Amino acid sequence: MTTDLLLARCTPGAAKLEGSALDARLAQQPAWEPDAERRLIARRFGFDNFYQTMAFVNAVAEIAHAQDHHPDLLVSYAACTVSYSTHSCGGLSLNDFICAAQVAALPEALA
């Protein structure tokens, strides 16, 4: 994970990443699974219990609010799958990778 993404801010109207630019960002976030058909990246985070899961979900919500870039969340008792896509550009933008990096850092911060 690169520090530049952890410190970056999302920008409105971000351009769609394609080709080598997209490949480079995907390489920086190997734990996030790309889905070319749905034009998104997703990652499942596991927890010991519902309380930990909800603490994580609330922290993701704080990032989403601060960045004004919102993920899709699938929440269960001991897991949360987070998916990012920039609908306005029809694919993945730098905003998705900024938020993915910040979300990926959460389990350590919440421990």
N, C-alpha and C. Protein backbone atom coordinates (compact mmCIF):
# COMPACT_ATOMS: atom_id res chain seq x y z
N MET A 1 0.86 -1.17 0.00
CA MET A 1 0.00 0.00 0.00
C MET A 1 0.90 1.23 0.00
N THR A 2 0.51 2.22 -0.75
CA THR A 2 1.35 3.40 -0.85
C THR A 2 0.81 4.52 0.03
N THR A 3 1.74 5.22 0.63
CA THR A 3 1.39 6.32 1.52
C THR A 3 0.64 7.42 0.78
N ASP A 4 0.95 7.61 -0.51
CA ASP A 4 0.27 8.68 -1.25
C ASP A 4 -1.24 8.49 -1.25
N LEU A 5 -1.71 7.25 -1.32
CA LEU A 5 -3.15 7.01 -1.31
C LEU A 5 -3.75 7.22 0.08
N LEU A 6 -3.00 6.90 1.11
CA LEU A 6 -3.51 7.09 2.47
C LEU A 6 -3.70 8.56 2.82
N LEU A 7 -2.93 9.42 2.20
CA LEU A 7 -2.99 10.85 2.49
C LEU A 7 -3.78 11.64 1.46
N ALA A 8 -4.18 10.99 0.38
CA ALA A 8 -4.84 11.68 -0.73
C ALA A 8 -6.30 11.99 -0.43
N ARG A 9 -6.85 12.90 -1.21
CA ARG A 9 -8.26 13.28 -1.13
C ARG A 9 -8.91 12.98 -2.47
N CYS A 10 -10.13 12.50 -2.42
CA CYS A 10 -10.90 12.25 -3.63
C CYS A 10 -11.27 13.58 -4.28
N THR A 11 -11.38 13.56 -5.61
CA THR A 11 -11.74 14.76 -6.34
C THR A 11 -12.99 14.49 -7.17
N PRO A 12 -13.91 15.44 -7.21
CA PRO A 12 -15.10 15.27 -8.04
C PRO A 12 -14.72 15.16 -9.52
N GLY A 13 -15.48 14.37 -10.25
CA GLY A 13 -15.25 14.23 -11.68
C GLY A 13 -13.98 13.49 -12.05
N ALA A 14 -13.53 12.59 -11.18
CA ALA A 14 -12.30 11.84 -11.45
C ALA A 14 -12.45 11.03 -12.74
N ALA A 15 -11.37 10.96 -13.49
CA ALA A 15 -11.37 10.26 -14.77
C ALA A 15 -11.23 8.75 -14.58
N LYS A 16 -11.78 8.02 -15.50
CA LYS A 16 -11.68 6.57 -15.51
C LYS A 16 -10.23 6.16 -15.77
N LEU A 17 -9.74 5.22 -14.95
CA LEU A 17 -8.41 4.67 -15.16
C LEU A 17 -8.50 3.52 -16.16
N GLU A 18 -7.56 3.49 -17.08
CA GLU A 18 -7.54 2.42 -18.07
C GLU A 18 -6.10 2.03 -18.35
N GLY A 19 -5.92 0.88 -18.97
CA GLY A 19 -4.60 0.44 -19.42
C GLY A 19 -3.59 0.32 -18.31
N SER A 20 -2.39 0.83 -18.56
CA SER A 20 -1.28 0.69 -17.61
C SER A 20 -1.53 1.47 -16.32
N ALA A 21 -2.27 2.57 -16.40
CA ALA A 21 -2.58 3.34 -15.18
C ALA A 21 -3.46 2.52 -14.25
N LEU A 22 -4.44 1.82 -14.82
CA LEU A 22 -5.30 0.95 -14.01
C LEU A 22 -4.51 -0.23 -13.48
N ASP A 23 -3.70 -0.85 -14.31
CA ASP A 23 -2.89 -1.99 -13.89
C ASP A 23 -1.96 -1.62 -12.73
N ALA A 24 -1.38 -0.44 -12.78
CA ALA A 24 -0.47 0.00 -11.72
C ALA A 24 -1.23 0.16 -10.40
N ARG A 25 -2.41 0.72 -10.45
CA ARG A 25 -3.20 0.90 -9.22
C ARG A 25 -3.66 -0.45 -8.69
N LEU A 26 -4.07 -1.35 -9.56
CA LEU A 26 -4.47 -2.69 -9.11
C LEU A 26 -3.30 -3.41 -8.45
N ALA A 27 -2.10 -3.23 -8.96
CA ALA A 27 -0.91 -3.87 -8.38
C ALA A 27 -0.61 -3.32 -6.98
N GLN A 28 -0.98 -2.07 -6.73
CA GLN A 28 -0.76 -1.47 -5.41
C GLN A 28 -1.75 -2.00 -4.38
N GLN A 29 -2.86 -2.56 -4.82
CA GLN A 29 -3.91 -3.04 -3.92
C GLN A 29 -4.20 -4.52 -4.22
N PRO A 30 -3.24 -5.41 -4.02
CA PRO A 30 -3.43 -6.82 -4.42
C PRO A 30 -4.53 -7.56 -3.65
N ALA A 31 -4.89 -7.10 -2.48
CA ALA A 31 -5.93 -7.77 -1.70
C ALA A 31 -7.33 -7.44 -2.22
N TRP A 32 -7.44 -6.43 -3.05
CA TRP A 32 -8.73 -6.03 -3.62
C TRP A 32 -8.90 -6.75 -4.95
N GLU A 33 -10.04 -7.42 -5.10
CA GLU A 33 -10.33 -8.20 -6.30
C GLU A 33 -11.01 -7.32 -7.35
N PRO A 34 -10.41 -7.22 -8.54
CA PRO A 34 -11.09 -6.48 -9.60
C PRO A 34 -12.19 -7.33 -10.24
N ASP A 35 -13.25 -6.68 -10.63
CA ASP A 35 -14.34 -7.33 -11.34
C ASP A 35 -14.58 -6.51 -12.60
N ALA A 36 -13.99 -6.96 -13.72
CA ALA A 36 -14.06 -6.20 -14.97
C ALA A 36 -15.49 -6.06 -15.47
N GLU A 37 -16.29 -7.11 -15.30
CA GLU A 37 -17.67 -7.07 -15.79
C GLU A 37 -18.48 -6.00 -15.08
N ARG A 38 -18.31 -5.93 -13.76
CA ARG A 38 -19.06 -4.94 -12.97
C ARG A 38 -18.27 -3.66 -12.78
N ARG A 39 -17.05 -3.60 -13.29
CA ARG A 39 -16.20 -2.40 -13.22
C ARG A 39 -16.02 -1.89 -11.80
N LEU A 40 -15.54 -2.80 -10.93
CA LEU A 40 -15.35 -2.44 -9.54
C LEU A 40 -14.20 -3.23 -8.94
N ILE A 41 -13.80 -2.81 -7.73
CA ILE A 41 -12.89 -3.59 -6.91
C ILE A 41 -13.63 -3.91 -5.61
N ALA A 42 -13.35 -5.09 -5.06
CA ALA A 42 -14.04 -5.50 -3.84
C ALA A 42 -13.07 -6.26 -2.93
N ARG A 43 -13.37 -6.19 -1.65
CA ARG A 43 -12.57 -6.93 -0.66
C ARG A 43 -13.47 -7.31 0.50
N ARG A 44 -13.29 -8.54 0.98
CA ARG A 44 -14.03 -9.04 2.14
C ARG A 44 -13.14 -8.91 3.37
N PHE A 45 -13.69 -8.33 4.42
CA PHE A 45 -13.00 -8.19 5.70
C PHE A 45 -13.73 -9.05 6.72
N GLY A 46 -13.00 -9.93 7.41
CA GLY A 46 -13.60 -10.80 8.41
C GLY A 46 -13.33 -10.31 9.82
N PHE A 47 -14.27 -10.60 10.72
CA PHE A 47 -14.17 -10.16 12.10
C PHE A 47 -14.60 -11.28 13.03
N ASP A 48 -14.38 -11.11 14.33
CA ASP A 48 -14.74 -12.13 15.31
C ASP A 48 -16.20 -12.10 15.71
N ASN A 49 -16.84 -10.92 15.57
CA ASN A 49 -18.22 -10.81 16.03
C ASN A 49 -18.90 -9.61 15.36
N PHE A 50 -20.18 -9.48 15.62
CA PHE A 50 -20.97 -8.42 15.01
C PHE A 50 -20.53 -7.04 15.47
N TYR A 51 -20.16 -6.90 16.73
CA TYR A 51 -19.72 -5.61 17.25
C TYR A 51 -18.50 -5.11 16.47
N GLN A 52 -17.52 -5.97 16.24
CA GLN A 52 -16.33 -5.58 15.48
C GLN A 52 -16.69 -5.24 14.04
N THR A 53 -17.59 -6.02 13.47
CA THR A 53 -18.02 -5.75 12.10
C THR A 53 -18.65 -4.37 12.01
N MET A 54 -19.52 -4.05 12.94
CA MET A 54 -20.20 -2.76 12.90
C MET A 54 -19.25 -1.59 13.19
N ALA A 55 -18.25 -1.80 14.03
CA ALA A 55 -17.24 -0.76 14.26
C ALA A 55 -16.50 -0.47 12.96
N PHE A 56 -16.19 -1.52 12.22
CA PHE A 56 -15.54 -1.37 10.92
C PHE A 56 -16.46 -0.63 9.95
N VAL A 57 -17.72 -1.04 9.87
CA VAL A 57 -18.68 -0.40 8.96
C VAL A 57 -18.80 1.10 9.29
N ASN A 58 -18.86 1.44 10.55
CA ASN A 58 -18.95 2.85 10.93
C ASN A 58 -17.69 3.62 10.55
N ALA A 59 -16.53 2.98 10.67
CA ALA A 59 -15.29 3.63 10.26
C ALA A 59 -15.26 3.82 8.74
N VAL A 60 -15.76 2.85 7.98
CA VAL A 60 -15.86 2.99 6.52
C VAL A 60 -16.79 4.15 6.18
N ALA A 61 -17.88 4.27 6.92
CA ALA A 61 -18.82 5.37 6.69
C ALA A 61 -18.15 6.73 6.93
N GLU A 62 -17.28 6.82 7.91
CA GLU A 62 -16.56 8.06 8.17
C GLU A 62 -15.65 8.42 7.00
N ILE A 63 -14.95 7.43 6.46
CA ILE A 63 -14.10 7.67 5.29
C ILE A 63 -14.95 8.12 4.12
N ALA A 64 -16.06 7.43 3.89
CA ALA A 64 -16.95 7.77 2.77
C ALA A 64 -17.45 9.21 2.89
N HIS A 65 -17.82 9.59 4.09
CA HIS A 65 -18.31 10.95 4.31
C HIS A 65 -17.20 11.98 4.08
N ALA A 66 -16.03 11.71 4.64
CA ALA A 66 -14.91 12.64 4.51
C ALA A 66 -14.46 12.78 3.06
N GLN A 67 -14.49 11.68 2.32
CA GLN A 67 -14.02 11.70 0.93
C GLN A 67 -15.14 12.00 -0.07
N ASP A 68 -16.37 11.97 0.39
CA ASP A 68 -17.54 12.12 -0.49
C ASP A 68 -17.47 11.12 -1.64
N HIS A 69 -17.10 9.88 -1.28
CA HIS A 69 -17.04 8.78 -2.24
C HIS A 69 -17.51 7.54 -1.48
N HIS A 70 -18.58 6.95 -1.94
CA HIS A 70 -19.30 5.97 -1.13
C HIS A 70 -19.25 4.57 -1.73
N PRO A 71 -18.92 3.58 -0.91
CA PRO A 71 -18.85 2.20 -1.39
C PRO A 71 -20.21 1.50 -1.29
N ASP A 72 -20.28 0.35 -1.89
CA ASP A 72 -21.36 -0.59 -1.62
C ASP A 72 -20.85 -1.52 -0.54
N LEU A 73 -21.69 -1.79 0.45
CA LEU A 73 -21.32 -2.65 1.57
C LEU A 73 -22.27 -3.83 1.66
N LEU A 74 -21.71 -5.00 1.89
CA LEU A 74 -22.48 -6.20 2.17
C LEU A 74 -22.06 -6.62 3.57
N VAL A 75 -22.97 -6.48 4.53
CA VAL A 75 -22.65 -6.69 5.94
C VAL A 75 -23.32 -7.95 6.45
N SER A 76 -22.53 -8.78 7.14
CA SER A 76 -23.07 -9.95 7.82
C SER A 76 -22.53 -9.97 9.24
N TYR A 77 -22.83 -11.02 9.98
CA TYR A 77 -22.46 -11.10 11.39
C TYR A 77 -20.97 -10.85 11.62
N ALA A 78 -20.12 -11.54 10.88
CA ALA A 78 -18.69 -11.46 11.14
C ALA A 78 -17.89 -11.08 9.90
N ALA A 79 -18.49 -10.35 8.99
CA ALA A 79 -17.78 -9.94 7.78
C ALA A 79 -18.45 -8.75 7.13
N CYS A 80 -17.66 -8.06 6.35
CA CYS A 80 -18.18 -6.96 5.52
C CYS A 80 -17.40 -6.97 4.22
N THR A 81 -18.12 -7.00 3.11
CA THR A 81 -17.49 -6.86 1.80
C THR A 81 -17.71 -5.44 1.33
N VAL A 82 -16.60 -4.80 0.96
CA VAL A 82 -16.61 -3.41 0.52
C VAL A 82 -16.30 -3.39 -0.97
N SER A 83 -17.13 -2.70 -1.74
CA SER A 83 -16.93 -2.58 -3.19
C SER A 83 -16.89 -1.12 -3.59
N TYR A 84 -15.93 -0.80 -4.46
CA TYR A 84 -15.81 0.56 -4.98
C TYR A 84 -15.89 0.58 -6.49
N SER A 85 -16.55 1.59 -7.00
CA SER A 85 -16.63 1.90 -8.42
C SER A 85 -17.02 3.36 -8.53
N THR A 86 -16.55 4.02 -9.57
CA THR A 86 -16.95 5.41 -9.79
C THR A 86 -18.00 5.40 -10.89
N HIS A 87 -19.24 5.45 -10.48
CA HIS A 87 -20.35 5.33 -11.42
C HIS A 87 -20.35 6.44 -12.46
N SER A 88 -19.93 7.63 -12.07
CA SER A 88 -19.97 8.77 -13.00
C SER A 88 -19.01 8.61 -14.18
N CYS A 89 -17.95 7.81 -14.00
CA CYS A 89 -17.02 7.60 -15.12
C CYS A 89 -17.20 6.21 -15.74
N GLY A 90 -18.06 5.40 -15.16
CA GLY A 90 -18.33 4.08 -15.73
C GLY A 90 -17.22 3.06 -15.51
N GLY A 91 -16.50 3.19 -14.42
CA GLY A 91 -15.42 2.25 -14.14
C GLY A 91 -14.70 2.61 -12.86
N LEU A 92 -13.40 2.40 -12.86
CA LEU A 92 -12.58 2.69 -11.69
C LEU A 92 -11.81 3.98 -11.90
N SER A 93 -11.79 4.79 -10.86
CA SER A 93 -11.01 6.04 -10.89
C SER A 93 -10.03 6.03 -9.72
N LEU A 94 -9.18 7.02 -9.68
CA LEU A 94 -8.24 7.15 -8.57
C LEU A 94 -9.00 7.22 -7.24
N ASN A 95 -10.19 7.81 -7.22
CA ASN A 95 -10.98 7.91 -6.00
C ASN A 95 -11.23 6.53 -5.37
N ASP A 96 -11.48 5.52 -6.20
CA ASP A 96 -11.72 4.17 -5.69
C ASP A 96 -10.49 3.63 -4.97
N PHE A 97 -9.32 3.89 -5.51
CA PHE A 97 -8.09 3.38 -4.91
C PHE A 97 -7.68 4.17 -3.69
N ILE A 98 -8.00 5.45 -3.65
CA ILE A 98 -7.76 6.24 -2.44
C ILE A 98 -8.57 5.66 -1.29
N CYS A 99 -9.86 5.46 -1.53
CA CYS A 99 -10.72 4.94 -0.47
C CYS A 99 -10.37 3.49 -0.11
N ALA A 100 -10.03 2.69 -1.10
CA ALA A 100 -9.64 1.30 -0.83
C ALA A 100 -8.42 1.24 0.08
N ALA A 101 -7.44 2.09 -0.17
CA ALA A 101 -6.24 2.12 0.67
C ALA A 101 -6.58 2.54 2.09
N GLN A 102 -7.43 3.54 2.22
CA GLN A 102 -7.79 4.02 3.55
C GLN A 102 -8.63 2.99 4.31
N VAL A 103 -9.51 2.30 3.62
CA VAL A 103 -10.31 1.25 4.24
C VAL A 103 -9.41 0.06 4.63
N ALA A 104 -8.47 -0.28 3.77
CA ALA A 104 -7.58 -1.40 4.06
C ALA A 104 -6.75 -1.16 5.32
N ALA A 105 -6.50 0.08 5.64
CA ALA A 105 -5.73 0.41 6.84
C ALA A 105 -6.56 0.34 8.12
N LEU A 106 -7.86 0.25 8.00
CA LEU A 106 -8.74 0.28 9.18
C LEU A 106 -8.58 -0.89 10.15
N PRO A 107 -8.51 -2.14 9.70
CA PRO A 107 -8.42 -3.23 10.69
C PRO A 107 -7.27 -3.04 11.68
N GLU A 108 -6.14 -2.54 11.20
CA GLU A 108 -5.02 -2.28 12.11
C GLU A 108 -5.36 -1.14 13.06
N ALA A 109 -6.01 -0.11 12.57
CA ALA A 109 -6.37 1.04 13.39
C ALA A 109 -7.41 0.69 14.43
N LEU A 110 -8.29 -0.25 14.10
CA LEU A 110 -9.36 -0.63 15.03
C LEU A 110 -8.94 -1.70 16.05
N ALA A 111 -7.80 -2.32 15.80
CA ALA A 111 -7.34 -3.42 16.68
C ALA A 111 -6.93 -2.93 18.05
